[in-house]
């Protein structure tokens, strides 16, 4: 192919087949490619926000190889502007501009319904007229996108910042929006830290009253990155009444207390099941674990939620239960738990 036959569009199409390391999304839609110049050679301008020098080298090699294979004999130059992400310094966590409060929803154990609680707490706060963002910090098992009915890929602005989609009155960011449906996020510790920081710092959250962080279970790299990077207004701990869940919730509480993050309360999920048409409570996972732990730790108890099939249906349909069925008893209980957070959010 002669150089005159090469168009900017054809070069862009080749670059759009190159995925960003760690993602299935391509570098063009990700906003990495900022310019393509045609002359005696093909010059590609890229801008990256990363601390990992290996990412820049890998992208340069991928672009050079892909264009060299498609346009043999044509020189290729890749110009990379690698910018350091904004991080916390030795002075401690740094607030995210424009966000008044950040609340983490956490658990020590998986499978307690933490993401379901995060979505519905966020939706309930949005119904109160607050400007709400919802960030899915569970990089390995993201579920917020599905629960909110978000399927579109986020776009990027001219600075390479991610523009989050808005659903149900909330700005949403999740790894589930960046990966293909069945693609796993295969990330080592340093990459987990970097992507967590990017979700917090490189997303155009704008002016928010509150940003809800749906954390993964446990007390690992993601939790530590967050408490060291940004100041949290507090944490809501989700557990079931079962002792094994309470023990793990206790560890999550201890982690936040050691990092000076206020515990806003413990919310007990799947506390009981009521057969339709009956009033008998069936305490499938035991009873009293959540309120007992809240009393022992001296933190607020935000209530006990039943095991309700409608919560599962709403989550799978992509519409929070607080919006689809606000009249249900479980919705009223979530509303009560939400109202206990309002005094905090009304403070500057």
C-alpha atoms as a PDB file:
ATOM      1  CA  UNK A   1       0.000   0.000   0.000  1.00  0.00           C
ATOM      2  CA  UNK A   2       1.308   3.445  -0.897  1.00  0.00           C
ATOM      3  CA  UNK A   3       1.484   6.168   1.706  1.00  0.00           C
ATOM      4  CA  UNK A   4      -0.988   8.304  -0.217  1.00  0.00           C
ATOM      5  CA  UNK A   5      -3.582   5.526   0.055  1.00  0.00           C
ATOM      6  CA  UNK A   6      -3.440   5.554   3.856  1.00  0.00           C
ATOM      7  CA  UNK A   7      -6.119   7.634   5.521  1.00  0.00           C
ATOM      8  CA  UNK A   8      -6.460   8.805   9.110  1.00  0.00           C
ATOM      9  CA  UNK A   9      -9.657   6.765   9.349  1.00  0.00           C
ATOM     10  CA  UNK A  10      -7.898   3.562   8.293  1.00  0.00           C
ATOM     11  CA  UNK A  11      -5.197   4.172  10.930  1.00  0.00           C
ATOM     12  CA  UNK A  12      -7.848   4.820  13.561  1.00  0.00           C
ATOM     13  CA  UNK A  13      -9.609   1.584  12.655  1.00  0.00           C
ATOM     14  CA  UNK A  14      -6.370  -0.351  13.196  1.00  0.00           C
ATOM     15  CA  UNK A  15      -5.807   1.355  16.558  1.00  0.00           C
ATOM     16  CA  UNK A  16      -9.362   0.528  17.610  1.00  0.00           C
ATOM     17  CA  UNK A  17      -8.408  -3.161  17.570  1.00  0.00           C
ATOM     18  CA  UNK A  18      -5.846  -2.583  20.343  1.00  0.00           C
ATOM     19  CA  UNK A  19      -7.212  -3.056  23.862  1.00  0.00           C
ATOM     20  CA  UNK A  20      -5.995  -1.109  26.866  1.00  0.00           C
ATOM     21  CA  UNK A  21      -3.928  -3.402  29.134  1.00  0.00           C
ATOM     22  CA  UNK A  22      -6.203  -5.068  31.665  1.00  0.00           C
ATOM     23  CA  UNK A  23      -9.388  -4.193  29.747  1.00  0.00           C
ATOM     24  CA  UNK A  24     -11.192  -5.418  26.655  1.00  0.00           C
ATOM     25  CA  UNK A  25     -12.007  -1.839  25.690  1.00  0.00           C
ATOM     26  CA  UNK A  26      -9.932  -0.361  22.851  1.00  0.00           C
ATOM     27  CA  UNK A  27      -7.578   2.595  23.212  1.00  0.00           C
ATOM     28  CA  UNK A  28      -9.534   4.785  20.786  1.00  0.00           C
ATOM     29  CA  UNK A  29     -12.845   4.654  22.664  1.00  0.00           C
ATOM     30  CA  UNK A  30     -10.911   4.852  25.932  1.00  0.00           C
ATOM     31  CA  UNK A  31      -9.659   8.313  24.898  1.00  0.00           C
ATOM     32  CA  UNK A  32      -5.969   7.370  24.832  1.00  0.00           C
ATOM     33  CA  UNK A  33      -5.436   8.318  21.163  1.00  0.00           C
ATOM     34  CA  UNK A  34      -5.389  12.120  20.927  1.00  0.00           C
ATOM     35  CA  UNK A  35      -4.038  12.694  17.420  1.00  0.00           C
ATOM     36  CA  UNK A  36      -3.047  11.035  14.141  1.00  0.00           C
ATOM     37  CA  UNK A  37      -0.734  12.868  11.751  1.00  0.00           C
ATOM     38  CA  UNK A  38      -0.050  11.744   8.186  1.00  0.00           C
ATOM     39  CA  UNK A  39       3.186  12.843   6.463  1.00  0.00           C
ATOM     40  CA  UNK A  40       6.456  11.115   5.700  1.00  0.00           C
ATOM     41  CA  UNK A  41       5.493   8.810   8.542  1.00  0.00           C
ATOM     42  CA  UNK A  42       2.444   7.913  10.598  1.00  0.00           C
ATOM     43  CA  UNK A  43       2.592   9.770  13.909  1.00  0.00           C
ATOM     44  CA  UNK A  44       0.300   8.753  16.746  1.00  0.00           C
ATOM     45  CA  UNK A  45      -0.171  10.947  19.815  1.00  0.00           C
ATOM     46  CA  UNK A  46      -1.333   9.198  22.993  1.00  0.00           C
ATOM     47  CA  UNK A  47      -1.991  10.482  26.510  1.00  0.00           C
ATOM     48  CA  UNK A  48      -1.920   8.113  29.484  1.00  0.00           C
ATOM     49  CA  UNK A  49      -2.638   8.677  33.157  1.00  0.00           C
ATOM     50  CA  UNK A  50      -0.714   5.929  34.926  1.00  0.00           C
ATOM     51  CA  UNK A  51       2.142   5.150  37.283  1.00  0.00           C
ATOM     52  CA  UNK A  52       2.877   1.878  35.495  1.00  0.00           C
ATOM     53  CA  UNK A  53       5.622   2.524  32.931  1.00  0.00           C
ATOM     54  CA  UNK A  54       4.995  -0.938  31.500  1.00  0.00           C
ATOM     55  CA  UNK A  55       1.620   0.169  30.171  1.00  0.00           C
ATOM     56  CA  UNK A  56       3.188   2.889  28.018  1.00  0.00           C
ATOM     57  CA  UNK A  57       5.786   0.524  26.578  1.00  0.00           C
ATOM     58  CA  UNK A  58       3.179  -2.132  25.868  1.00  0.00           C
ATOM     59  CA  UNK A  59       0.890   0.300  24.053  1.00  0.00           C
ATOM     60  CA  UNK A  60       3.753   1.693  21.970  1.00  0.00           C
ATOM     61  CA  UNK A  61       4.750  -1.839  20.921  1.00  0.00           C
ATOM     62  CA  UNK A  62       1.171  -2.885  20.163  1.00  0.00           C
ATOM     63  CA  UNK A  63       0.496   0.206  18.044  1.00  0.00           C
ATOM     64  CA  UNK A  64       3.804  -0.040  16.177  1.00  0.00           C
ATOM     65  CA  UNK A  65       3.334  -3.735  15.420  1.00  0.00           C
ATOM     66  CA  UNK A  66      -0.309  -3.391  14.375  1.00  0.00           C
ATOM     67  CA  UNK A  67       0.325  -0.457  12.035  1.00  0.00           C
ATOM     68  CA  UNK A  68       3.541  -2.003  10.709  1.00  0.00           C
ATOM     69  CA  UNK A  69       1.692  -5.197   9.802  1.00  0.00           C
ATOM     70  CA  UNK A  70      -1.125  -3.304   8.088  1.00  0.00           C
ATOM     71  CA  UNK A  71       1.057  -0.698   6.345  1.00  0.00           C
ATOM     72  CA  UNK A  72       4.448  -2.348   5.711  1.00  0.00           C
ATOM     73  CA  UNK A  73       7.259  -0.037   4.727  1.00  0.00           C
ATOM     74  CA  UNK A  74       5.631   3.044   6.250  1.00  0.00           C
ATOM     75  CA  UNK A  75       7.516   4.464   9.297  1.00  0.00           C
ATOM     76  CA  UNK A  76       5.453   4.672  12.493  1.00  0.00           C
ATOM     77  CA  UNK A  77       6.140   7.007  15.412  1.00  0.00           C
ATOM     78  CA  UNK A  78       4.181   6.785  18.680  1.00  0.00           C
ATOM     79  CA  UNK A  79       4.402   9.865  20.934  1.00  0.00           C
ATOM     80  CA  UNK A  80       3.336   9.138  24.509  1.00  0.00           C
ATOM     81  CA  UNK A  81       2.477  11.740  27.124  1.00  0.00           C
ATOM     82  CA  UNK A  82       2.437   9.805  30.410  1.00  0.00           C
ATOM     83  CA  UNK A  83       0.799  11.802  33.202  1.00  0.00           C
ATOM     84  CA  UNK A  84       0.943  10.862  36.866  1.00  0.00           C
ATOM     85  CA  UNK A  85      -2.519  10.288  38.373  1.00  0.00           C
ATOM     86  CA  UNK A  86      -3.547  12.534  41.222  1.00  0.00           C
ATOM     87  CA  UNK A  87      -2.951  10.580  44.405  1.00  0.00           C
ATOM     88  CA  UNK A  88      -2.897  11.079  48.093  1.00  0.00           C
ATOM     89  CA  UNK A  89       0.373  12.458  49.363  1.00  0.00           C
ATOM     90  CA  UNK A  90       2.242  11.994  52.564  1.00  0.00           C
ATOM     91  CA  UNK A  91      -0.134  14.589  54.027  1.00  0.00           C
ATOM     92  CA  UNK A  92      -2.940  12.040  54.000  1.00  0.00           C
ATOM     93  CA  UNK A  93      -6.110  11.441  51.961  1.00  0.00           C
ATOM     94  CA  UNK A  94      -7.097  14.149  49.471  1.00  0.00           C
ATOM     95  CA  UNK A  95     -10.792  14.961  48.828  1.00  0.00           C
ATOM     96  CA  UNK A  96     -12.296  14.506  45.394  1.00  0.00           C
ATOM     97  CA  UNK A  97     -13.159  17.976  44.047  1.00  0.00           C
ATOM     98  CA  UNK A  98     -16.893  18.638  43.947  1.00  0.00           C
ATOM     99  CA  UNK A  99     -17.924  15.726  46.185  1.00  0.00           C
ATOM    100  CA  UNK A 100     -19.195  16.707  49.641  1.00  0.00           C
ATOM    101  CA  UNK A 101     -19.398  13.253  51.218  1.00  0.00           C
ATOM    102  CA  UNK A 102     -18.107   9.773  50.386  1.00  0.00           C
ATOM    103  CA  UNK A 103     -19.747   6.795  52.087  1.00  0.00           C
ATOM    104  CA  UNK A 104     -18.379   3.260  51.825  1.00  0.00           C
ATOM    105  CA  UNK A 105     -20.732   0.265  51.963  1.00  0.00           C
ATOM    106  CA  UNK A 106     -18.682  -2.677  53.149  1.00  0.00           C
ATOM    107  CA  UNK A 107     -18.831  -6.217  54.500  1.00  0.00           C
ATOM    108  CA  UNK A 108     -16.321  -8.671  55.778  1.00  0.00           C
ATOM    109  CA  UNK A 109     -17.957 -11.567  53.956  1.00  0.00           C
ATOM    110  CA  UNK A 110     -19.264 -11.968  50.423  1.00  0.00           C
ATOM    111  CA  UNK A 111     -22.835 -12.927  49.604  1.00  0.00           C
ATOM    112  CA  UNK A 112     -24.541 -10.792  52.235  1.00  0.00           C
ATOM    113  CA  UNK A 113     -26.263  -8.507  49.708  1.00  0.00           C
ATOM    114  CA  UNK A 114     -23.912  -5.548  50.013  1.00  0.00           C
ATOM    115  CA  UNK A 115     -24.269  -4.437  46.395  1.00  0.00           C
ATOM    116  CA  UNK A 116     -28.053  -4.658  46.616  1.00  0.00           C
ATOM    117  CA  UNK A 117     -27.943  -2.437  49.693  1.00  0.00           C
ATOM    118  CA  UNK A 118     -25.543   0.000  47.987  1.00  0.00           C
ATOM    119  CA  UNK A 119     -27.818   0.422  44.967  1.00  0.00           C
ATOM    120  CA  UNK A 120     -30.961   0.925  47.001  1.00  0.00           C
ATOM    121  CA  UNK A 121     -29.365   3.279  49.525  1.00  0.00           C
ATOM    122  CA  UNK A 122     -28.066   5.371  46.621  1.00  0.00           C
ATOM    123  CA  UNK A 123     -31.473   5.318  44.909  1.00  0.00           C
ATOM    124  CA  UNK A 124     -33.208   6.305  48.156  1.00  0.00           C
ATOM    125  CA  UNK A 125     -30.827   9.253  48.598  1.00  0.00           C
ATOM    126  CA  UNK A 126     -31.449  10.331  44.987  1.00  0.00           C
ATOM    127  CA  UNK A 127     -35.194  10.242  45.691  1.00  0.00           C
ATOM    128  CA  UNK A 128     -34.520  12.713  48.506  1.00  0.00           C
ATOM    129  CA  UNK A 129     -33.256  15.148  45.892  1.00  0.00           C
ATOM    130  CA  UNK A 130     -29.547  14.644  46.560  1.00  0.00           C
ATOM    131  CA  UNK A 131     -26.962  14.526  43.793  1.00  0.00           C
ATOM    132  CA  UNK A 132     -25.673  10.954  44.030  1.00  0.00           C
ATOM    133  CA  UNK A 133     -22.854   8.961  42.483  1.00  0.00           C
ATOM    134  CA  UNK A 134     -22.433   5.197  42.779  1.00  0.00           C
ATOM    135  CA  UNK A 135     -18.995   3.653  42.272  1.00  0.00           C
ATOM    136  CA  UNK A 136     -18.577  -0.119  42.032  1.00  0.00           C
ATOM    137  CA  UNK A 137     -15.185  -0.737  43.638  1.00  0.00           C
ATOM    138  CA  UNK A 138     -15.466  -4.524  43.360  1.00  0.00           C
ATOM    139  CA  UNK A 139     -13.207  -4.899  40.332  1.00  0.00           C
ATOM    140  CA  UNK A 140     -13.304  -8.700  40.293  1.00  0.00           C
ATOM    141  CA  UNK A 141     -17.047  -9.167  40.761  1.00  0.00           C
ATOM    142  CA  UNK A 142     -18.750  -5.979  39.507  1.00  0.00           C
ATOM    143  CA  UNK A 143     -22.544  -6.032  39.690  1.00  0.00           C
ATOM    144  CA  UNK A 144     -23.659  -2.405  39.972  1.00  0.00           C
ATOM    145  CA  UNK A 145     -23.998  -1.968  36.187  1.00  0.00           C
ATOM    146  CA  UNK A 146     -26.426  -4.905  35.960  1.00  0.00           C
ATOM    147  CA  UNK A 147     -28.401  -3.821  39.012  1.00  0.00           C
ATOM    148  CA  UNK A 148     -28.824  -0.316  37.569  1.00  0.00           C
ATOM    149  CA  UNK A 149     -29.579  -1.430  34.022  1.00  0.00           C
ATOM    150  CA  UNK A 150     -26.429   0.266  32.670  1.00  0.00           C
ATOM    151  CA  UNK A 151     -25.060  -1.374  29.518  1.00  0.00           C
ATOM    152  CA  UNK A 152     -23.418   1.457  27.579  1.00  0.00           C
ATOM    153  CA  UNK A 153     -19.673   2.034  27.552  1.00  0.00           C
ATOM    154  CA  UNK A 154     -18.578   5.248  29.288  1.00  0.00           C
ATOM    155  CA  UNK A 155     -17.166   7.903  26.988  1.00  0.00           C
ATOM    156  CA  UNK A 156     -14.086  10.047  27.568  1.00  0.00           C
ATOM    157  CA  UNK A 157     -13.624  13.804  27.386  1.00  0.00           C
ATOM    158  CA  UNK A 158     -10.772  15.671  25.714  1.00  0.00           C
ATOM    159  CA  UNK A 159      -8.609  15.251  28.824  1.00  0.00           C
ATOM    160  CA  UNK A 160      -9.073  11.492  28.842  1.00  0.00           C
ATOM    161  CA  UNK A 161     -11.360  11.610  31.890  1.00  0.00           C
ATOM    162  CA  UNK A 162     -14.117   9.000  32.004  1.00  0.00           C
ATOM    163  CA  UNK A 163     -17.667  10.361  31.738  1.00  0.00           C
ATOM    164  CA  UNK A 164     -19.942   8.091  33.808  1.00  0.00           C
ATOM    165  CA  UNK A 165     -23.407   7.202  32.517  1.00  0.00           C
ATOM    166  CA  UNK A 166     -26.420   8.340  34.511  1.00  0.00           C
ATOM    167  CA  UNK A 167     -29.219   5.964  35.473  1.00  0.00           C
ATOM    168  CA  UNK A 168     -32.124   6.429  37.875  1.00  0.00           C
ATOM    169  CA  UNK A 169     -30.824   9.867  38.805  1.00  0.00           C
ATOM    170  CA  UNK A 170     -27.364   8.541  39.766  1.00  0.00           C
ATOM    171  CA  UNK A 171     -23.963   8.753  38.081  1.00  0.00           C
ATOM    172  CA  UNK A 172     -22.585   5.218  37.832  1.00  0.00           C
ATOM    173  CA  UNK A 173     -19.117   3.769  37.353  1.00  0.00           C
ATOM    174  CA  UNK A 174     -18.287   0.070  37.340  1.00  0.00           C
ATOM    175  CA  UNK A 175     -15.722  -2.289  35.878  1.00  0.00           C
ATOM    176  CA  UNK A 176     -18.773  -4.045  34.438  1.00  0.00           C
ATOM    177  CA  UNK A 177     -19.129  -1.128  32.000  1.00  0.00           C
ATOM    178  CA  UNK A 178     -15.600  -1.602  30.683  1.00  0.00           C
ATOM    179  CA  UNK A 179     -15.429  -5.384  30.322  1.00  0.00           C
ATOM    180  CA  UNK A 180     -17.282  -7.672  27.966  1.00  0.00           C
ATOM    181  CA  UNK A 181     -20.120  -9.546  29.645  1.00  0.00           C
ATOM    182  CA  UNK A 182     -18.206 -12.780  30.257  1.00  0.00           C
ATOM    183  CA  UNK A 183     -14.694 -11.331  30.528  1.00  0.00           C
ATOM    184  CA  UNK A 184     -12.933 -11.550  33.900  1.00  0.00           C
ATOM    185  CA  UNK A 185     -10.798  -8.751  35.303  1.00  0.00           C
ATOM    186  CA  UNK A 186      -7.383 -10.382  35.643  1.00  0.00           C
ATOM    187  CA  UNK A 187      -5.495  -7.929  37.814  1.00  0.00           C
ATOM    188  CA  UNK A 188      -2.542  -8.155  40.175  1.00  0.00           C
ATOM    189  CA  UNK A 189      -2.193  -6.025  43.306  1.00  0.00           C
ATOM    190  CA  UNK A 190      -0.514  -2.952  41.745  1.00  0.00           C
ATOM    191  CA  UNK A 191      -3.043  -2.835  38.900  1.00  0.00           C
ATOM    192  CA  UNK A 192      -5.928  -3.165  41.371  1.00  0.00           C
ATOM    193  CA  UNK A 193      -4.593  -0.127  43.218  1.00  0.00           C
ATOM    194  CA  UNK A 194      -4.191   1.851  40.008  1.00  0.00           C
ATOM    195  CA  UNK A 195      -7.669   1.130  38.658  1.00  0.00           C
ATOM    196  CA  UNK A 196      -9.240   1.886  42.018  1.00  0.00           C
ATOM    197  CA  UNK A 197      -7.539   5.288  42.027  1.00  0.00           C
ATOM    198  CA  UNK A 198      -8.661   5.915  38.444  1.00  0.00           C
ATOM    199  CA  UNK A 199     -12.280   5.157  39.332  1.00  0.00           C
ATOM    200  CA  UNK A 200     -12.041   7.749  42.091  1.00  0.00           C
ATOM    201  CA  UNK A 201      -9.868  10.403  40.432  1.00  0.00           C
ATOM    202  CA  UNK A 202     -10.215   9.991  36.659  1.00  0.00           C
ATOM    203  CA  UNK A 203     -14.007   9.980  36.474  1.00  0.00           C
ATOM    204  CA  UNK A 204     -15.963  13.189  35.862  1.00  0.00           C
ATOM    205  CA  UNK A 205     -18.175  12.931  38.948  1.00  0.00           C
ATOM    206  CA  UNK A 206     -18.963  16.641  38.936  1.00  0.00           C
ATOM    207  CA  UNK A 207     -20.802  18.188  41.874  1.00  0.00           C
ATOM    208  CA  UNK A 208     -22.204  15.484  44.162  1.00  0.00           C
ATOM    209  CA  UNK A 209     -23.775  15.546  47.600  1.00  0.00           C
ATOM    210  CA  UNK A 210     -22.652  11.982  48.171  1.00  0.00           C
ATOM    211  CA  UNK A 211     -20.650   9.289  46.401  1.00  0.00           C
ATOM    212  CA  UNK A 212     -21.533   5.745  47.493  1.00  0.00           C
ATOM    213  CA  UNK A 213     -18.685   3.242  47.192  1.00  0.00           C
ATOM    214  CA  UNK A 214     -19.708  -0.403  46.886  1.00  0.00           C
ATOM    215  CA  UNK A 215     -16.623  -2.163  48.246  1.00  0.00           C
ATOM    216  CA  UNK A 216     -15.632  -5.781  47.673  1.00  0.00           C
ATOM    217  CA  UNK A 217     -15.820  -8.103  50.674  1.00  0.00           C
ATOM    218  CA  UNK A 218     -12.868  -8.338  53.012  1.00  0.00           C
ATOM    219  CA  UNK A 219     -10.099  -5.948  54.003  1.00  0.00           C
ATOM    220  CA  UNK A 220      -7.694  -6.121  51.071  1.00  0.00           C
ATOM    221  CA  UNK A 221      -5.876  -3.852  48.606  1.00  0.00           C
ATOM    222  CA  UNK A 222      -8.970  -2.008  47.381  1.00  0.00           C
ATOM    223  CA  UNK A 223     -10.186  -1.079  50.865  1.00  0.00           C
ATOM    224  CA  UNK A 224      -6.725   0.075  51.940  1.00  0.00           C
ATOM    225  CA  UNK A 225      -6.235   2.079  48.745  1.00  0.00           C
ATOM    226  CA  UNK A 226      -9.513   3.897  49.306  1.00  0.00           C
ATOM    227  CA  UNK A 227      -8.971   4.816  52.967  1.00  0.00           C
ATOM    228  CA  UNK A 228      -5.452   6.024  52.155  1.00  0.00           C
ATOM    229  CA  UNK A 229      -6.486   7.973  49.043  1.00  0.00           C
ATOM    230  CA  UNK A 230      -9.655   9.873  49.940  1.00  0.00           C
ATOM    231  CA  UNK A 231     -11.318  10.967  53.182  1.00  0.00           C
ATOM    232  CA  UNK A 232     -14.461   8.943  53.915  1.00  0.00           C
ATOM    233  CA  UNK A 233     -17.412  10.516  55.716  1.00  0.00           C
ATOM    234  CA  UNK A 234     -18.209   7.085  57.078  1.00  0.00           C
ATOM    235  CA  UNK A 235     -18.912   3.421  56.391  1.00  0.00           C
ATOM    236  CA  UNK A 236     -22.057   1.298  56.459  1.00  0.00           C
ATOM    237  CA  UNK A 237     -21.367  -2.335  57.356  1.00  0.00           C
ATOM    238  CA  UNK A 238     -23.675  -5.001  55.906  1.00  0.00           C
ATOM    239  CA  UNK A 239     -23.997  -8.431  57.495  1.00  0.00           C
ATOM    240  CA  UNK A 240     -26.440 -11.280  57.931  1.00  0.00           C
ATOM    241  CA  UNK A 241     -27.445 -12.576  61.383  1.00  0.00           C
ATOM    242  CA  UNK A 242     -25.240 -15.646  60.884  1.00  0.00           C
ATOM    243  CA  UNK A 243     -22.258 -15.747  63.233  1.00  0.00           C
ATOM    244  CA  UNK A 244     -19.745 -16.440  60.462  1.00  0.00           C
ATOM    245  CA  UNK A 245     -20.876 -13.241  58.697  1.00  0.00           C
ATOM    246  CA  UNK A 246     -20.871 -11.226  61.923  1.00  0.00           C
ATOM    247  CA  UNK A 247     -17.288 -12.283  62.695  1.00  0.00           C
ATOM    248  CA  UNK A 248     -16.142 -11.051  59.290  1.00  0.00           C
ATOM    249  CA  UNK A 249     -18.166  -7.840  59.650  1.00  0.00           C
ATOM    250  CA  UNK A 250     -16.333  -7.240  62.928  1.00  0.00           C
ATOM    251  CA  UNK A 251     -13.037  -7.336  61.006  1.00  0.00           C
ATOM    252  CA  UNK A 252     -14.320  -4.754  58.535  1.00  0.00           C
ATOM    253  CA  UNK A 253     -15.393  -2.499  61.406  1.00  0.00           C
ATOM    254  CA  UNK A 254     -11.960  -2.880  63.000  1.00  0.00           C
ATOM    255  CA  UNK A 255     -10.217  -1.891  59.752  1.00  0.00           C
ATOM    256  CA  UNK A 256     -12.234   1.304  59.429  1.00  0.00           C
ATOM    257  CA  UNK A 257     -11.771   2.193  63.077  1.00  0.00           C
ATOM    258  CA  UNK A 258      -8.000   1.769  62.776  1.00  0.00           C
ATOM    259  CA  UNK A 259      -7.980   4.146  59.810  1.00  0.00           C
ATOM    260  CA  UNK A 260     -10.189   6.720  61.604  1.00  0.00           C
ATOM    261  CA  UNK A 261     -13.257   6.185  59.409  1.00  0.00           C
ATOM    262  CA  UNK A 262     -16.547   6.658  61.329  1.00  0.00           C
ATOM    263  CA  UNK A 263     -18.905   3.679  61.404  1.00  0.00           C
ATOM    264  CA  UNK A 264     -22.318   5.027  60.413  1.00  0.00           C
ATOM    265  CA  UNK A 265     -24.038   1.813  61.375  1.00  0.00           C
ATOM    266  CA  UNK A 266     -24.558  -1.895  60.869  1.00  0.00           C
ATOM    267  CA  UNK A 267     -27.348  -3.023  58.556  1.00  0.00           C
ATOM    268  CA  UNK A 268     -28.552  -6.604  58.884  1.00  0.00           C
ATOM    269  CA  UNK A 269     -29.696  -8.206  55.631  1.00  0.00           C
ATOM    270  CA  UNK A 270     -31.567 -11.495  55.034  1.00  0.00           C
ATOM    271  CA  UNK A 271     -32.641 -11.426  58.673  1.00  0.00           C
ATOM    272  CA  UNK A 272     -35.816 -13.427  58.141  1.00  0.00           C
ATOM    273  CA  UNK A 273     -38.229 -14.735  55.524  1.00  0.00           C
ATOM    274  CA  UNK A 274     -42.000 -14.356  55.561  1.00  0.00           C
ATOM    275  CA  UNK A 275     -44.018 -16.768  53.412  1.00  0.00           C
ATOM    276  CA  UNK A 276     -46.532 -14.826  51.276  1.00  0.00           C
ATOM    277  CA  UNK A 277     -49.920 -14.894  52.950  1.00  0.00           C
ATOM    278  CA  UNK A 278     -48.420 -15.700  56.337  1.00  0.00           C
ATOM    279  CA  UNK A 279     -47.005 -13.557  59.150  1.00  0.00           C
ATOM    280  CA  UNK A 280     -44.583 -16.065  60.643  1.00  0.00           C
ATOM    281  CA  UNK A 281     -40.928 -15.042  60.482  1.00  0.00           C
ATOM    282  CA  UNK A 282     -38.550 -17.794  59.464  1.00  0.00           C
ATOM    283  CA  UNK A 283     -35.060 -16.832  60.679  1.00  0.00           C
ATOM    284  CA  UNK A 284     -33.055 -18.799  58.140  1.00  0.00           C
ATOM    285  CA  UNK A 285     -29.644 -17.383  59.109  1.00  0.00           C
ATOM    286  CA  UNK A 286     -30.275 -17.110  62.849  1.00  0.00           C
ATOM    287  CA  UNK A 287     -31.219 -13.957  64.719  1.00  0.00           C
ATOM    288  CA  UNK A 288     -29.787 -11.077  66.660  1.00  0.00           C
ATOM    289  CA  UNK A 289     -26.317 -11.096  65.125  1.00  0.00           C
ATOM    290  CA  UNK A 290     -26.427  -7.608  63.650  1.00  0.00           C
ATOM    291  CA  UNK A 291     -28.026  -5.760  66.533  1.00  0.00           C
ATOM    292  CA  UNK A 292     -25.886  -7.661  69.023  1.00  0.00           C
ATOM    293  CA  UNK A 293     -22.691  -6.634  67.237  1.00  0.00           C
ATOM    294  CA  UNK A 294     -23.841  -3.015  66.922  1.00  0.00           C
ATOM    295  CA  UNK A 295     -24.529  -2.930  70.658  1.00  0.00           C
ATOM    296  CA  UNK A 296     -21.183  -4.518  71.476  1.00  0.00           C
ATOM    297  CA  UNK A 297     -19.290  -2.027  69.305  1.00  0.00           C
ATOM    298  CA  UNK A 298     -21.358   0.966  70.347  1.00  0.00           C
ATOM    299  CA  UNK A 299     -22.357   1.894  66.782  1.00  0.00           C
ATOM    300  CA  UNK A 300     -25.845   2.590  65.349  1.00  0.00           C
ATOM    301  CA  UNK A 301     -28.018  -0.326  64.236  1.00  0.00           C
ATOM    302  CA  UNK A 302     -29.678   0.606  60.948  1.00  0.00           C
ATOM    303  CA  UNK A 303     -32.264  -2.178  60.949  1.00  0.00           C
ATOM    304  CA  UNK A 304     -33.005  -5.709  59.776  1.00  0.00           C
ATOM    305  CA  UNK A 305     -34.094  -6.391  56.209  1.00  0.00           C
ATOM    306  CA  UNK A 306     -36.032  -9.521  55.247  1.00  0.00           C
ATOM    307  CA  UNK A 307     -35.034 -12.024  52.599  1.00  0.00           C
ATOM    308  CA  UNK A 308     -37.412 -10.769  49.916  1.00  0.00           C
ATOM    309  CA  UNK A 309     -37.636 -12.258  46.395  1.00  0.00           C
ATOM    310  CA  UNK A 310     -38.628  -8.850  45.039  1.00  0.00           C
ATOM    311  CA  UNK A 311     -35.152  -7.540  45.855  1.00  0.00           C
ATOM    312  CA  UNK A 312     -33.658 -10.224  43.632  1.00  0.00           C
ATOM    313  CA  UNK A 313     -36.145  -9.537  40.830  1.00  0.00           C
ATOM    314  CA  UNK A 314     -35.472  -5.800  40.964  1.00  0.00           C
ATOM    315  CA  UNK A 315     -31.693  -6.303  40.930  1.00  0.00           C
ATOM    316  CA  UNK A 316     -31.843  -8.599  37.904  1.00  0.00           C
ATOM    317  CA  UNK A 317     -34.191  -6.247  36.047  1.00  0.00           C
ATOM    318  CA  UNK A 318     -31.877  -3.264  36.483  1.00  0.00           C
ATOM    319  CA  UNK A 319     -34.295  -1.082  38.457  1.00  0.00           C
ATOM    320  CA  UNK A 320     -33.647  -0.551  42.198  1.00  0.00           C
ATOM    321  CA  UNK A 321     -36.489  -1.788  44.394  1.00  0.00           C
ATOM    322  CA  UNK A 322     -36.765   1.691  45.929  1.00  0.00           C
ATOM    323  CA  UNK A 323     -37.935   2.873  42.508  1.00  0.00           C
ATOM    324  CA  UNK A 324     -39.877  -0.129  41.209  1.00  0.00           C
ATOM    325  CA  UNK A 325     -41.729  -1.029  44.436  1.00  0.00           C
ATOM    326  CA  UNK A 326     -41.427   1.728  47.036  1.00  0.00           C
ATOM    327  CA  UNK A 327     -44.615   0.479  48.710  1.00  0.00           C
ATOM    328  CA  UNK A 328     -43.122  -2.835  49.872  1.00  0.00           C
ATOM    329  CA  UNK A 329     -42.187  -3.315  53.550  1.00  0.00           C
ATOM    330  CA  UNK A 330     -38.531  -3.950  52.689  1.00  0.00           C
ATOM    331  CA  UNK A 331     -38.450  -0.637  50.784  1.00  0.00           C
ATOM    332  CA  UNK A 332     -39.793   1.144  53.846  1.00  0.00           C
ATOM    333  CA  UNK A 333     -37.041  -0.403  55.972  1.00  0.00           C
ATOM    334  CA  UNK A 334     -34.387   0.740  53.489  1.00  0.00           C
ATOM    335  CA  UNK A 335     -35.937   4.198  53.587  1.00  0.00           C
ATOM    336  CA  UNK A 336     -35.645   4.262  57.389  1.00  0.00           C
ATOM    337  CA  UNK A 337     -31.982   3.241  57.178  1.00  0.00           C
ATOM    338  CA  UNK A 338     -31.388   5.956  54.576  1.00  0.00           C
ATOM    339  CA  UNK A 339     -32.956   8.652  56.752  1.00  0.00           C
ATOM    340  CA  UNK A 340     -30.486   7.869  59.511  1.00  0.00           C
ATOM    341  CA  UNK A 341     -27.710   9.008  57.131  1.00  0.00           C
ATOM    342  CA  UNK A 342     -29.316  12.341  56.231  1.00  0.00           C
ATOM    343  CA  UNK A 343     -28.053  14.321  59.275  1.00  0.00           C
ATOM    344  CA  UNK A 344     -24.485  13.489  58.200  1.00  0.00           C
ATOM    345  CA  UNK A 345     -25.112  14.516  54.595  1.00  0.00           C
ATOM    346  CA  UNK A 346     -26.680  17.824  55.619  1.00  0.00           C
ATOM    347  CA  UNK A 347     -23.435  18.872  57.302  1.00  0.00           C
ATOM    348  CA  UNK A 348     -20.819  20.652  55.121  1.00  0.00           C
END
